[in-house]
N, C-alpha and C. Protein backbone atom coordinates (compact mmCIF):
# COMPACT_ATOMS: atom_id res chain seq x y z
N MET A 1 74.82 79.71 129.45
CA MET A 1 74.59 81.18 129.95
C MET A 1 75.22 82.14 129.29
N THR A 2 74.46 83.13 128.40
CA THR A 2 75.50 84.24 128.02
C THR A 2 75.63 85.18 129.08
N PRO A 3 77.28 85.43 129.35
CA PRO A 3 77.82 86.46 130.09
C PRO A 3 77.48 87.87 130.03
N PRO A 4 76.98 88.50 131.26
CA PRO A 4 76.72 89.87 131.14
C PRO A 4 77.55 90.63 130.38
N VAL A 5 77.20 91.79 129.90
CA VAL A 5 77.82 92.85 129.10
C VAL A 5 78.12 94.09 129.71
N ASP A 6 78.83 94.92 129.71
CA ASP A 6 78.94 96.02 130.72
C ASP A 6 77.96 97.13 130.10
N ALA A 7 77.92 97.92 130.81
CA ALA A 7 76.65 99.28 130.93
C ALA A 7 76.92 100.17 129.52
N GLY A 8 78.02 99.68 129.12
CA GLY A 8 78.19 100.78 127.81
C GLY A 8 77.92 100.01 126.36
N GLY A 9 77.14 98.64 126.67
CA GLY A 9 76.66 97.96 125.51
C GLY A 9 77.62 97.44 124.38
N ASN A 10 78.88 97.45 125.04
CA ASN A 10 79.63 96.69 124.19
C ASN A 10 79.97 95.04 124.53
N SER A 11 80.59 94.26 123.79
CA SER A 11 81.17 93.13 124.12
C SER A 11 82.19 92.73 125.07
N ARG A 12 82.36 93.80 126.06
CA ARG A 12 83.59 93.43 126.77
C ARG A 12 82.95 92.59 127.99
N ILE A 13 83.36 91.57 128.30
CA ILE A 13 82.68 90.71 129.55
C ILE A 13 83.45 91.09 130.91
N ARG A 14 82.47 91.52 131.39
CA ARG A 14 82.45 91.94 132.91
C ARG A 14 83.00 90.74 134.07
N PRO A 15 83.94 90.69 134.82
CA PRO A 15 84.33 89.68 135.75
C PRO A 15 83.28 89.16 136.21
N VAL A 16 83.01 87.81 136.55
CA VAL A 16 82.02 87.49 137.53
C VAL A 16 82.61 86.54 138.48
N GLU A 17 82.19 86.16 139.65
CA GLU A 17 82.71 85.26 140.54
C GLU A 17 81.23 84.27 140.88
N VAL A 18 81.49 83.06 141.31
CA VAL A 18 80.45 82.21 141.71
C VAL A 18 80.04 82.33 142.88
N ALA A 19 78.82 82.59 143.09
CA ALA A 19 78.25 82.71 144.59
C ALA A 19 78.47 81.79 145.52
N ALA A 20 78.45 81.87 146.72
CA ALA A 20 78.86 80.71 147.43
C ALA A 20 77.49 80.15 147.48
N GLY A 21 77.62 78.70 147.29
CA GLY A 21 76.50 77.75 147.51
C GLY A 21 75.60 77.58 146.63
N ASN A 22 75.87 77.94 145.24
CA ASN A 22 75.01 77.70 144.23
C ASN A 22 75.91 78.12 142.78
N ASP A 23 75.11 77.69 141.54
CA ASP A 23 75.99 77.91 140.32
C ASP A 23 75.62 79.18 139.95
N ARG A 24 74.76 80.22 140.45
CA ARG A 24 74.70 81.26 139.75
C ARG A 24 75.99 82.52 139.92
N VAL A 25 76.06 83.07 138.87
CA VAL A 25 77.13 84.25 138.73
C VAL A 25 76.96 85.44 139.16
N ARG A 26 77.59 86.29 139.72
CA ARG A 26 77.32 87.71 140.03
C ARG A 26 78.58 88.73 139.87
N PRO A 27 78.32 89.73 139.50
CA PRO A 27 79.38 90.67 139.15
C PRO A 27 80.42 90.91 140.37
N VAL A 28 81.49 90.94 139.72
CA VAL A 28 82.78 91.09 141.07
C VAL A 28 82.66 92.69 141.00
N ASP A 29 82.92 93.14 142.54
CA ASP A 29 83.00 94.48 142.75
C ASP A 29 84.38 95.34 142.06
N GLU A 30 83.83 96.01 141.27
CA GLU A 30 84.64 97.09 140.40
C GLU A 30 84.81 98.32 140.85
N THR A 31 85.06 98.35 142.16
CA THR A 31 85.04 99.96 142.66
C THR A 31 86.44 100.40 142.21
N ALA A 32 87.41 99.37 141.93
CA ALA A 32 88.70 99.97 141.94
C ALA A 32 88.77 100.48 140.25
N GLY A 33 87.63 100.47 139.62
CA GLY A 33 87.52 100.83 138.30
C GLY A 33 88.42 100.41 137.15
N ASN A 34 88.88 99.49 137.31
CA ASN A 34 89.71 98.48 136.13
C ASN A 34 88.91 97.47 135.87
N GLY A 35 88.10 96.84 136.56
CA GLY A 35 87.39 95.62 136.23
C GLY A 35 88.06 94.45 136.48
N ARG A 36 89.24 94.44 137.06
CA ARG A 36 90.33 93.25 137.23
C ARG A 36 89.84 92.59 138.62
N VAL A 37 90.01 91.25 138.55
CA VAL A 37 89.61 90.53 139.92
C VAL A 37 90.64 90.94 140.74
N PRO A 38 90.75 91.34 142.15
CA PRO A 38 91.58 91.44 142.97
C PRO A 38 92.33 90.13 143.27
N PRO A 39 93.46 89.99 143.48
CA PRO A 39 94.30 89.24 143.86
C PRO A 39 93.66 88.31 145.07
N VAL A 40 93.52 86.98 145.35
CA VAL A 40 92.95 86.18 146.38
C VAL A 40 94.07 85.40 146.99
N ASP A 41 94.31 85.59 148.38
CA ASP A 41 95.36 84.56 149.02
C ASP A 41 94.88 83.25 149.23
N PRO A 42 95.36 82.13 148.64
CA PRO A 42 94.68 81.13 149.05
C PRO A 42 94.49 80.61 150.41
N ALA A 43 95.37 81.29 151.64
CA ALA A 43 95.23 81.24 152.86
C ALA A 43 94.33 82.04 153.60
N GLY A 44 93.34 82.81 152.71
CA GLY A 44 92.58 83.73 153.13
C GLY A 44 93.13 84.82 153.76
N ASN A 45 94.12 85.37 152.73
CA ASN A 45 94.57 86.65 153.42
C ASN A 45 95.81 86.71 154.37
N GLY A 46 96.01 85.54 154.96
CA GLY A 46 96.97 85.26 155.99
C GLY A 46 98.41 85.47 155.69
N ARG A 47 98.58 85.22 154.48
CA ARG A 47 99.96 85.32 154.17
C ARG A 47 100.63 86.63 153.89
N LEU A 48 99.38 87.24 153.09
CA LEU A 48 99.82 88.81 152.62
C LEU A 48 99.77 89.80 154.13
N SER A 49 98.80 89.16 155.06
CA SER A 49 99.06 89.92 156.57
C SER A 49 100.48 89.80 157.23
N ALA A 50 100.65 88.53 157.02
CA ALA A 50 102.13 88.20 157.59
C ALA A 50 103.40 88.51 156.99
N THR A 51 103.04 89.06 155.71
CA THR A 51 104.31 89.62 155.15
C THR A 51 104.35 91.05 155.23
N LEU A 52 103.16 91.99 155.69
CA LEU A 52 103.03 92.99 155.92
C LEU A 52 103.72 93.38 157.36
N ALA A 53 103.12 92.34 158.03
CA ALA A 53 103.80 92.54 159.57
C ALA A 53 105.29 92.53 159.71
N MET A 54 105.72 91.57 158.76
CA MET A 54 107.05 91.09 158.74
C MET A 54 107.98 92.63 158.60
N ARG A 55 107.24 93.07 157.46
CA ARG A 55 108.17 94.32 156.81
C ARG A 55 107.91 95.36 157.97
N ARG A 56 107.00 95.79 158.47
CA ARG A 56 106.85 96.62 159.66
C ARG A 56 107.87 96.34 160.82
N ARG A 57 108.24 94.86 161.32
CA ARG A 57 109.06 94.62 162.06
C ARG A 57 110.46 94.91 161.75
N ALA A 58 110.60 94.41 160.44
CA ALA A 58 112.09 95.06 159.89
C ALA A 58 112.26 96.37 159.65
N MET A 59 111.12 97.20 159.57
CA MET A 59 111.79 98.55 159.44
C MET A 59 111.56 99.12 160.96
N ALA A 60 111.02 98.74 162.11
CA ALA A 60 111.05 99.10 162.99
C ALA A 60 112.40 98.93 163.76
N ALA A 61 113.07 97.38 163.69
CA ALA A 61 114.47 97.18 164.12
C ALA A 61 115.32 97.85 163.39
N ASP A 62 115.07 98.39 162.41
CA ASP A 62 116.08 98.97 161.68
C ASP A 62 116.16 100.28 161.79
N LEU A 63 115.35 100.99 162.34
CA LEU A 63 115.28 102.62 162.93
C LEU A 63 115.68 102.29 164.46
N ILE A 64 115.36 101.45 165.31
CA ILE A 64 116.41 101.36 166.37
C ILE A 64 117.67 101.06 166.27
N GLU A 65 118.28 99.95 165.30
CA GLU A 65 119.46 99.97 164.87
C GLU A 65 120.02 101.37 164.58
N GLN A 66 119.63 101.85 163.66
CA GLN A 66 120.25 103.16 163.19
C GLN A 66 120.53 104.39 164.47
N ALA A 67 119.22 104.36 165.09
CA ALA A 67 119.21 105.50 165.77
C ALA A 67 120.33 105.32 167.29
N ALA A 68 120.58 103.84 167.42
CA ALA A 68 121.53 103.58 168.43
C ALA A 68 122.92 103.56 167.70
N LEU A 69 123.05 103.54 166.66
CA LEU A 69 124.52 103.38 166.04
C LEU A 69 124.99 104.98 166.17
N GLU A 70 124.01 105.75 165.93
CA GLU A 70 124.07 107.34 165.93
C GLU A 70 124.64 107.77 167.34
N LEU A 71 123.93 107.29 167.93
CA LEU A 71 124.07 107.52 169.61
C LEU A 71 125.54 107.11 169.89
N PHE A 72 125.77 105.71 169.85
CA PHE A 72 127.13 104.72 170.13
C PHE A 72 128.24 105.72 169.42
N THR A 73 128.38 106.51 168.37
CA THR A 73 129.39 106.90 167.89
C THR A 73 129.53 108.16 168.56
N THR A 74 129.01 108.88 169.45
CA THR A 74 128.99 110.07 170.22
C THR A 74 129.35 110.06 171.44
N ARG A 75 128.94 108.75 172.16
CA ARG A 75 129.59 108.42 173.53
C ARG A 75 129.41 107.06 173.82
N PRO A 76 129.94 106.77 174.81
CA PRO A 76 129.99 105.04 174.99
C PRO A 76 128.78 104.54 175.46
N MET A 77 128.58 103.30 174.67
CA MET A 77 127.03 102.52 174.93
C MET A 77 126.71 102.74 176.31
N ASP A 78 127.68 102.38 177.32
CA ASP A 78 126.98 102.48 178.66
C ASP A 78 126.62 103.70 179.09
N GLU A 79 126.71 104.72 178.57
CA GLU A 79 126.07 106.08 178.73
C GLU A 79 124.94 106.62 177.90
N VAL A 80 124.52 105.83 177.19
CA VAL A 80 123.42 105.53 176.43
C VAL A 80 122.29 104.97 177.19
N THR A 81 121.03 105.27 177.15
CA THR A 81 119.98 104.39 177.62
C THR A 81 119.11 104.04 176.77
N VAL A 82 118.34 102.84 176.99
CA VAL A 82 117.45 102.29 176.20
C VAL A 82 116.23 103.72 175.96
N GLU A 83 115.62 104.13 177.07
CA GLU A 83 115.12 105.18 176.74
C GLU A 83 115.47 106.34 175.41
N GLN A 84 116.41 106.39 175.47
CA GLN A 84 117.22 107.55 174.54
C GLN A 84 117.46 106.93 173.14
N ILE A 85 117.34 105.75 172.98
CA ILE A 85 117.64 104.93 171.73
C ILE A 85 115.99 105.11 171.09
N ALA A 86 115.26 104.48 172.06
CA ALA A 86 113.71 104.41 171.66
C ALA A 86 113.19 105.83 171.23
N ALA A 87 113.63 107.06 171.62
CA ALA A 87 113.23 108.16 171.85
C ALA A 87 113.52 108.59 170.30
N ALA A 88 115.14 108.54 170.05
CA ALA A 88 115.58 108.68 168.96
C ALA A 88 115.00 108.04 167.64
N ALA A 89 114.53 106.79 167.72
CA ALA A 89 113.90 105.94 166.95
C ALA A 89 112.56 106.06 166.76
N GLY A 90 112.04 106.83 167.53
CA GLY A 90 110.45 107.08 167.53
C GLY A 90 109.43 105.90 167.94
N VAL A 91 110.01 105.05 168.78
CA VAL A 91 109.18 104.03 169.04
C VAL A 91 109.11 104.15 170.80
N SER A 92 108.19 103.60 171.34
CA SER A 92 108.10 103.06 172.76
C SER A 92 109.22 102.25 173.43
N VAL A 93 109.57 102.13 174.61
CA VAL A 93 110.48 101.43 175.01
C VAL A 93 109.74 100.02 175.13
N ARG A 94 108.67 99.78 175.34
CA ARG A 94 108.17 98.24 175.15
C ARG A 94 108.56 97.83 173.89
N SER A 95 108.38 98.71 172.58
CA SER A 95 108.64 98.47 171.27
C SER A 95 110.21 97.72 171.09
N PHE A 96 110.89 98.97 171.76
CA PHE A 96 112.20 98.38 171.89
C PHE A 96 112.87 96.98 172.13
N TYR A 97 112.22 96.79 173.50
CA TYR A 97 112.34 95.25 173.90
C TYR A 97 111.80 94.11 173.11
N ARG A 98 110.68 94.47 172.19
CA ARG A 98 109.90 93.51 171.49
C ARG A 98 111.08 93.04 170.35
N TYR A 99 111.94 93.78 170.14
CA TYR A 99 112.94 93.61 168.96
C TYR A 99 114.48 93.27 169.47
N TYR A 100 114.87 93.86 170.65
CA TYR A 100 115.92 93.46 171.20
C TYR A 100 115.86 93.60 172.82
N PRO A 101 116.56 92.26 173.16
CA PRO A 101 116.56 92.06 174.46
C PRO A 101 117.51 93.18 175.47
N GLY A 102 118.44 93.96 174.81
CA GLY A 102 119.18 94.87 175.47
C GLY A 102 120.01 95.75 174.64
N LYS A 103 120.59 96.73 174.92
CA LYS A 103 121.44 97.64 173.99
C LYS A 103 122.43 96.76 173.39
N GLU A 104 123.06 95.94 173.98
CA GLU A 104 123.99 95.62 173.28
C GLU A 104 123.90 94.55 172.15
N MET A 105 122.67 94.13 172.31
CA MET A 105 122.33 92.90 171.15
C MET A 105 122.31 93.57 169.86
N ILE A 106 122.04 95.29 169.81
CA ILE A 106 121.96 95.69 168.78
C ILE A 106 123.36 96.02 168.01
N LEU A 107 124.43 96.14 168.40
CA LEU A 107 125.72 95.92 167.89
C LEU A 107 125.95 94.41 167.43
N THR A 108 125.08 93.34 167.76
CA THR A 108 125.22 92.33 167.04
C THR A 108 124.74 92.04 165.78
N ALA A 109 123.53 92.92 165.33
CA ALA A 109 122.97 92.82 164.22
C ALA A 109 123.51 93.00 162.94
N LEU A 110 124.46 93.85 162.75
CA LEU A 110 125.07 94.00 161.38
C LEU A 110 126.09 92.83 161.26
N PRO A 111 126.75 92.47 162.10
CA PRO A 111 127.64 90.97 162.49
C PRO A 111 127.02 90.05 161.99
N VAL A 112 125.60 89.82 162.15
CA VAL A 112 124.93 88.61 162.05
C VAL A 112 124.56 88.55 160.50
N ARG A 113 123.95 89.89 160.10
CA ARG A 113 123.73 89.83 158.74
C ARG A 113 124.79 89.44 157.82
N LEU A 114 126.30 90.10 158.48
CA LEU A 114 126.98 90.17 157.15
C LEU A 114 127.88 88.62 157.37
N ALA A 115 127.70 87.89 158.38
CA ALA A 115 128.28 86.38 158.67
C ALA A 115 127.40 85.76 157.87
N THR A 116 125.98 85.93 157.95
CA THR A 116 124.88 85.28 156.88
C THR A 116 125.34 85.29 155.60
N ALA A 117 125.64 86.56 155.05
CA ALA A 117 125.84 86.79 153.79
C ALA A 117 127.21 86.29 153.42
N ILE A 118 128.45 86.33 154.28
CA ILE A 118 129.54 85.53 153.86
C ILE A 118 129.46 84.23 153.88
N ALA A 119 128.91 83.58 154.65
CA ALA A 119 128.40 82.09 154.90
C ALA A 119 127.84 81.75 153.13
N GLU A 120 126.83 82.63 152.73
CA GLU A 120 126.22 82.04 151.79
C GLU A 120 127.26 82.36 150.52
N GLU A 121 128.02 83.28 150.61
CA GLU A 121 128.95 83.60 149.51
C GLU A 121 130.07 82.47 149.46
N THR A 122 130.52 82.25 150.32
CA THR A 122 131.44 80.96 150.33
C THR A 122 130.91 79.41 149.96
N ALA A 123 129.57 79.55 150.14
CA ALA A 123 128.98 78.36 149.62
C ALA A 123 128.99 78.30 148.05
N ARG A 124 128.94 79.80 147.56
CA ARG A 124 129.05 79.53 146.27
C ARG A 124 130.21 80.00 145.42
N ARG A 125 131.11 79.52 146.21
CA ARG A 125 132.50 80.10 145.65
C ARG A 125 132.94 78.87 144.90
N PRO A 126 133.81 78.83 143.86
CA PRO A 126 134.33 77.91 142.94
C PRO A 126 134.93 76.78 143.90
N PRO A 127 134.32 75.21 143.31
CA PRO A 127 134.65 74.23 144.28
C PRO A 127 136.52 74.12 144.42
N ALA A 128 137.16 74.51 143.55
CA ALA A 128 138.65 74.30 143.68
C ALA A 128 139.19 75.55 144.60
N GLU A 129 138.51 76.12 145.34
CA GLU A 129 138.89 77.10 146.04
C GLU A 129 139.22 76.57 147.69
N ALA A 130 139.87 76.40 148.43
CA ALA A 130 140.17 75.72 149.70
C ALA A 130 139.22 76.60 150.65
N PRO A 131 138.84 75.95 151.70
CA PRO A 131 137.87 76.58 152.68
C PRO A 131 138.10 77.95 153.06
N PHE A 132 139.56 78.07 153.44
CA PHE A 132 139.71 79.73 153.87
C PHE A 132 139.83 80.46 153.02
N ALA A 133 140.26 80.06 151.49
CA ALA A 133 140.39 80.90 150.61
C ALA A 133 139.17 81.58 150.15
N ALA A 134 138.12 80.44 150.31
CA ALA A 134 136.82 81.06 149.67
C ALA A 134 135.99 81.85 150.79
N LEU A 135 136.44 81.43 152.05
CA LEU A 135 135.93 82.60 152.83
C LEU A 135 136.61 83.91 152.72
N ARG A 136 137.90 84.07 152.51
CA ARG A 136 138.46 85.42 152.27
C ARG A 136 138.03 86.05 151.08
N ASN A 137 137.75 85.10 149.96
CA ASN A 137 137.37 85.85 148.98
C ASN A 137 135.84 86.50 149.18
N ALA A 138 135.13 85.54 149.76
CA ALA A 138 133.72 86.09 150.07
C ALA A 138 133.66 87.12 151.02
N VAL A 139 134.80 87.34 152.02
CA VAL A 139 134.76 88.62 152.83
C VAL A 139 134.94 89.90 151.89
N ASP A 140 135.93 89.75 150.81
CA ASP A 140 136.24 90.54 149.87
C ASP A 140 135.43 91.20 148.98
N ALA A 141 134.57 90.22 148.77
CA ALA A 141 133.44 90.16 147.61
C ALA A 141 132.37 91.35 148.15
N LEU A 142 132.45 90.88 149.72
CA LEU A 142 130.77 91.46 150.30
C LEU A 142 131.14 92.71 151.01
N THR A 143 132.25 92.94 152.08
CA THR A 143 132.61 94.11 152.58
C THR A 143 132.52 95.40 152.09
N GLY A 144 132.83 95.35 150.71
CA GLY A 144 132.85 96.66 150.11
C GLY A 144 131.20 97.01 149.77
N GLU A 145 130.57 96.28 149.76
CA GLU A 145 128.99 96.65 149.64
C GLU A 145 128.48 97.21 150.72
N THR A 146 128.96 96.73 151.80
CA THR A 146 128.23 97.28 153.27
C THR A 146 129.11 98.24 153.89
N ASN A 147 130.20 98.70 153.00
CA ASN A 147 131.45 99.70 153.59
C ASN A 147 130.86 100.93 154.69
N ASP A 148 130.13 101.45 153.80
CA ASP A 148 129.58 102.73 154.77
C ASP A 148 129.02 102.43 155.94
N TYR A 149 127.83 101.11 156.02
CA TYR A 149 127.25 101.00 157.37
C TYR A 149 128.04 100.05 157.91
N LEU A 150 128.94 99.57 157.45
CA LEU A 150 130.12 99.16 158.50
C LEU A 150 130.96 99.87 159.07
N ARG A 151 131.35 100.83 158.42
CA ARG A 151 131.82 101.96 159.12
C ARG A 151 131.39 102.36 160.37
N ARG A 152 130.09 102.61 159.99
CA ARG A 152 129.41 103.35 161.11
C ARG A 152 129.10 102.26 162.32
N TRP A 153 129.02 100.99 162.17
CA TRP A 153 129.29 100.01 163.28
C TRP A 153 130.41 99.92 163.81
N GLN A 154 131.77 99.96 163.14
CA GLN A 154 133.23 100.04 163.72
C GLN A 154 133.13 101.24 164.74
N ARG A 155 132.59 102.40 164.28
CA ARG A 155 132.83 103.59 164.90
C ARG A 155 131.96 103.52 166.19
N ALA A 156 130.85 102.91 165.92
CA ALA A 156 130.25 102.55 167.15
C ALA A 156 130.82 101.65 168.20
N MET A 157 131.62 100.80 167.56
CA MET A 157 132.20 99.60 168.69
C MET A 157 133.15 100.51 169.21
N ALA A 158 134.07 101.10 168.64
CA ALA A 158 135.31 102.02 169.07
C ALA A 158 134.73 102.90 170.21
N HIS A 159 133.59 103.53 170.44
CA HIS A 159 133.08 104.26 171.14
C HIS A 159 132.26 103.56 172.48
N SER A 160 132.20 102.35 172.39
CA SER A 160 131.60 101.24 173.36
C SER A 160 132.65 101.17 174.41
N TYR A 161 132.06 101.54 175.83
CA TYR A 161 132.92 101.37 177.12
C TYR A 161 133.39 99.63 176.98
N GLY A 162 132.13 99.15 176.99
CA GLY A 162 132.21 97.69 176.96
C GLY A 162 132.22 96.75 175.78
N ASN A 163 133.31 97.26 174.90
CA ASN A 163 133.38 96.70 173.57
C ASN A 163 133.82 95.38 173.46
N GLU A 164 134.54 95.00 174.70
CA GLU A 164 135.30 93.58 174.79
C GLU A 164 134.11 92.70 175.00
N ARG A 165 133.09 93.26 175.71
CA ARG A 165 132.17 92.37 176.13
C ARG A 165 131.33 91.99 174.94
N VAL A 166 131.01 92.98 174.37
CA VAL A 166 130.12 93.04 172.93
C VAL A 166 130.93 92.21 171.65
N GLN A 167 132.40 92.34 171.74
CA GLN A 167 133.06 91.72 170.71
C GLN A 167 132.88 90.22 171.16
N GLN A 168 133.06 89.67 172.30
CA GLN A 168 132.59 88.26 172.35
C GLN A 168 131.48 87.88 172.19
N LEU A 169 130.23 88.80 172.37
CA LEU A 169 128.88 88.45 172.10
C LEU A 169 128.80 88.26 170.54
N VAL A 170 129.52 89.18 169.60
CA VAL A 170 129.42 89.04 168.31
C VAL A 170 130.19 87.43 167.90
N VAL A 171 131.31 87.38 168.39
CA VAL A 171 132.00 86.09 168.24
C VAL A 171 130.96 84.87 168.34
N THR A 172 130.24 85.04 169.35
CA THR A 172 129.51 83.82 169.85
C THR A 172 128.09 83.51 169.06
N VAL A 173 127.55 84.82 168.12
CA VAL A 173 126.40 84.70 167.42
C VAL A 173 126.72 84.65 165.97
N THR A 174 128.26 84.88 165.73
CA THR A 174 128.42 84.67 164.10
C THR A 174 129.00 83.52 163.88
N SER A 175 129.75 82.75 164.77
CA SER A 175 130.79 81.54 164.54
C SER A 175 129.73 80.42 164.08
N PRO A 176 128.53 80.07 164.53
CA PRO A 176 128.00 79.02 164.10
C PRO A 176 127.55 78.95 162.57
N MET A 177 127.29 80.43 161.92
CA MET A 177 127.05 80.33 160.40
C MET A 177 128.36 80.11 159.76
N LEU A 178 129.58 80.85 160.15
CA LEU A 178 130.95 80.47 159.45
C LEU A 178 131.26 78.82 159.66
N THR A 179 131.19 78.54 160.85
CA THR A 179 131.50 77.07 160.87
C THR A 179 130.58 76.27 159.87
N GLU A 180 129.42 76.42 159.60
CA GLU A 180 128.69 75.31 158.61
C GLU A 180 129.22 75.73 157.33
N ALA A 181 129.57 76.92 156.77
CA ALA A 181 129.88 77.35 155.78
C ALA A 181 131.50 76.99 155.50
N LEU A 182 132.37 76.57 156.35
CA LEU A 182 133.64 75.95 156.26
C LEU A 182 133.42 74.55 156.16
N ALA A 183 132.51 74.11 157.07
CA ALA A 183 132.27 72.55 157.03
C ALA A 183 131.86 71.88 155.70
N GLY A 184 131.01 72.88 155.17
CA GLY A 184 130.42 72.41 153.96
C GLY A 184 131.66 72.57 152.92
N ARG A 185 132.50 73.42 152.67
CA ARG A 185 133.59 73.52 151.67
C ARG A 185 134.63 72.42 152.14
N ALA A 186 134.79 71.93 153.42
CA ALA A 186 135.37 70.90 153.90
C ALA A 186 135.05 69.64 153.63
N GLY A 187 133.72 69.42 153.39
CA GLY A 187 132.97 68.21 153.37
C GLY A 187 133.19 67.40 154.89
N LEU A 188 132.98 68.25 155.74
CA LEU A 188 132.80 67.81 157.31
C LEU A 188 131.71 67.71 157.92
N ALA A 189 131.17 67.54 158.80
CA ALA A 189 130.33 67.89 159.75
C ALA A 189 130.61 68.87 160.80
N THR A 190 129.33 69.98 160.85
CA THR A 190 129.53 70.86 161.71
C THR A 190 130.26 70.68 163.14
N ASP A 191 129.79 69.34 163.41
CA ASP A 191 130.22 69.34 164.90
C ASP A 191 131.86 68.54 165.03
N ASP A 192 132.38 68.27 164.07
CA ASP A 192 133.67 68.03 163.71
C ASP A 192 134.70 69.32 164.52
N LEU A 193 135.80 68.80 165.13
CA LEU A 193 136.58 69.75 165.45
C LEU A 193 136.96 70.84 164.80
N TRP A 194 137.51 70.53 163.53
CA TRP A 194 138.17 71.52 162.44
C TRP A 194 137.01 72.63 162.43
N PRO A 195 136.08 72.15 161.69
CA PRO A 195 135.18 73.22 161.38
C PRO A 195 134.62 74.16 162.29
N GLU A 196 134.60 73.62 163.85
CA GLU A 196 134.07 74.63 164.77
C GLU A 196 135.34 75.43 165.20
N LEU A 197 136.40 74.90 165.59
CA LEU A 197 137.36 75.84 165.61
C LEU A 197 137.63 76.72 164.46
N ALA A 198 137.67 76.64 163.43
CA ALA A 198 137.64 77.49 162.07
C ALA A 198 136.90 78.51 162.04
N GLY A 199 135.44 78.07 162.51
CA GLY A 199 134.33 78.98 162.41
C GLY A 199 134.60 80.23 163.74
N ILE A 200 135.25 79.89 165.04
CA ILE A 200 135.43 80.60 166.08
C ILE A 200 136.64 81.50 165.61
N SER A 201 137.55 80.95 164.74
CA SER A 201 138.70 81.55 164.49
C SER A 201 138.33 82.80 163.52
N ALA A 202 137.62 82.34 162.51
CA ALA A 202 136.86 83.48 161.46
C ALA A 202 136.13 84.36 161.96
N ALA A 203 135.44 84.04 162.84
CA ALA A 203 134.27 85.04 163.46
C ALA A 203 135.18 86.03 164.34
N THR A 204 136.23 85.58 165.14
CA THR A 204 137.27 86.41 165.72
C THR A 204 137.82 87.06 165.08
N ALA A 205 138.26 86.53 163.64
CA ALA A 205 139.35 87.41 162.94
C ALA A 205 138.64 88.65 162.39
N LEU A 206 137.07 88.54 162.17
CA LEU A 206 136.36 89.60 161.47
C LEU A 206 136.01 90.62 162.75
N VAL A 207 136.20 90.39 164.16
CA VAL A 207 136.01 91.15 165.16
C VAL A 207 137.08 91.88 165.41
N VAL A 208 138.57 91.24 165.04
CA VAL A 208 139.70 91.85 165.26
C VAL A 208 139.92 92.87 164.00
N GLY A 209 139.63 92.38 162.95
CA GLY A 209 140.01 93.42 161.97
C GLY A 209 139.07 94.60 162.08
N ALA A 210 138.00 94.58 162.38
CA ALA A 210 136.94 95.75 162.89
C ALA A 210 137.76 96.54 163.96
N ARG A 211 138.18 95.94 164.97
CA ARG A 211 138.80 96.62 165.71
C ARG A 211 139.87 97.52 165.70
N ARG A 212 140.67 96.90 164.78
CA ARG A 212 142.15 97.45 163.95
C ARG A 212 141.69 98.82 163.24
N TRP A 213 140.64 98.14 162.43
CA TRP A 213 140.31 99.53 161.39
C TRP A 213 139.99 100.74 162.20
N ALA A 214 139.00 100.35 163.71
CA ALA A 214 138.45 101.51 164.52
C ALA A 214 140.00 102.21 165.08
N ALA A 215 140.86 101.39 165.59
CA ALA A 215 141.95 101.82 166.00
C ALA A 215 142.87 102.66 165.18
N ARG A 216 142.76 102.40 163.63
CA ARG A 216 143.85 103.37 162.90
C ARG A 216 142.61 104.12 162.05
N ARG A 217 141.48 104.63 162.94
CA ARG A 217 140.79 105.46 162.21
C ARG A 217 140.26 105.22 160.56
N GLY A 218 140.14 103.87 160.34
CA GLY A 218 139.67 103.52 158.87
C GLY A 218 140.85 103.16 158.13
N ALA A 219 142.17 103.52 158.77
CA ALA A 219 143.42 103.13 157.88
C ALA A 219 143.94 101.48 157.75
N CYS A 220 142.82 100.44 158.26
CA CYS A 220 143.52 99.31 158.62
C CYS A 220 143.50 98.45 157.06
N GLY A 221 144.81 98.00 156.83
CA GLY A 221 144.91 97.42 155.61
C GLY A 221 144.28 96.03 155.51
N ARG A 222 144.82 95.59 154.44
CA ARG A 222 144.44 94.21 154.17
C ARG A 222 145.22 93.30 155.22
N THR A 223 144.50 92.22 155.82
CA THR A 223 145.31 91.48 156.78
C THR A 223 145.09 89.70 156.30
């Protein structure tokens, strides 16, 4: 069967698609003006919808985190309400709780991202580097890239009345990632004693370093 030609009478072939249930062909909707066949998601557009939904959730969580950090740098966390954070972020209180179970968990968001990146970079370090050397070099390679945001977080921690409580929470949520990275470097299982203790020690060291930085107003040197 000869393919249909466009209205201009030239030999450009218009895109066609098979009509459901038979072998006949019909022109594809060309309302976009370019005649290209729109991309089709094999899963029925579900994948695209899921991707867009994930991006919206990430943007909302980021807005909440940034608004909270701004508020936490001006007064103690205990004096800032969830309602104030939600209003500053431009979301409802209900939306706030969709992303964070409480305001303390906001201060764990950056450490979790940073610990994840440090663990990944530690795994990529040259094999000749010892576990703690690889971890230290990974920290040096990454903290400079997040320096401005990290300083905002550190200032927020310094103004948080209950930061000792938050610091312990940060250690709890970040140590498993560092444990896994160090276990991999040492060739040990993650449930062995040394990687577990090493991961907790590394997570604690990151928190202590942040606290020292805040205490010295950003003048904390290499430790």
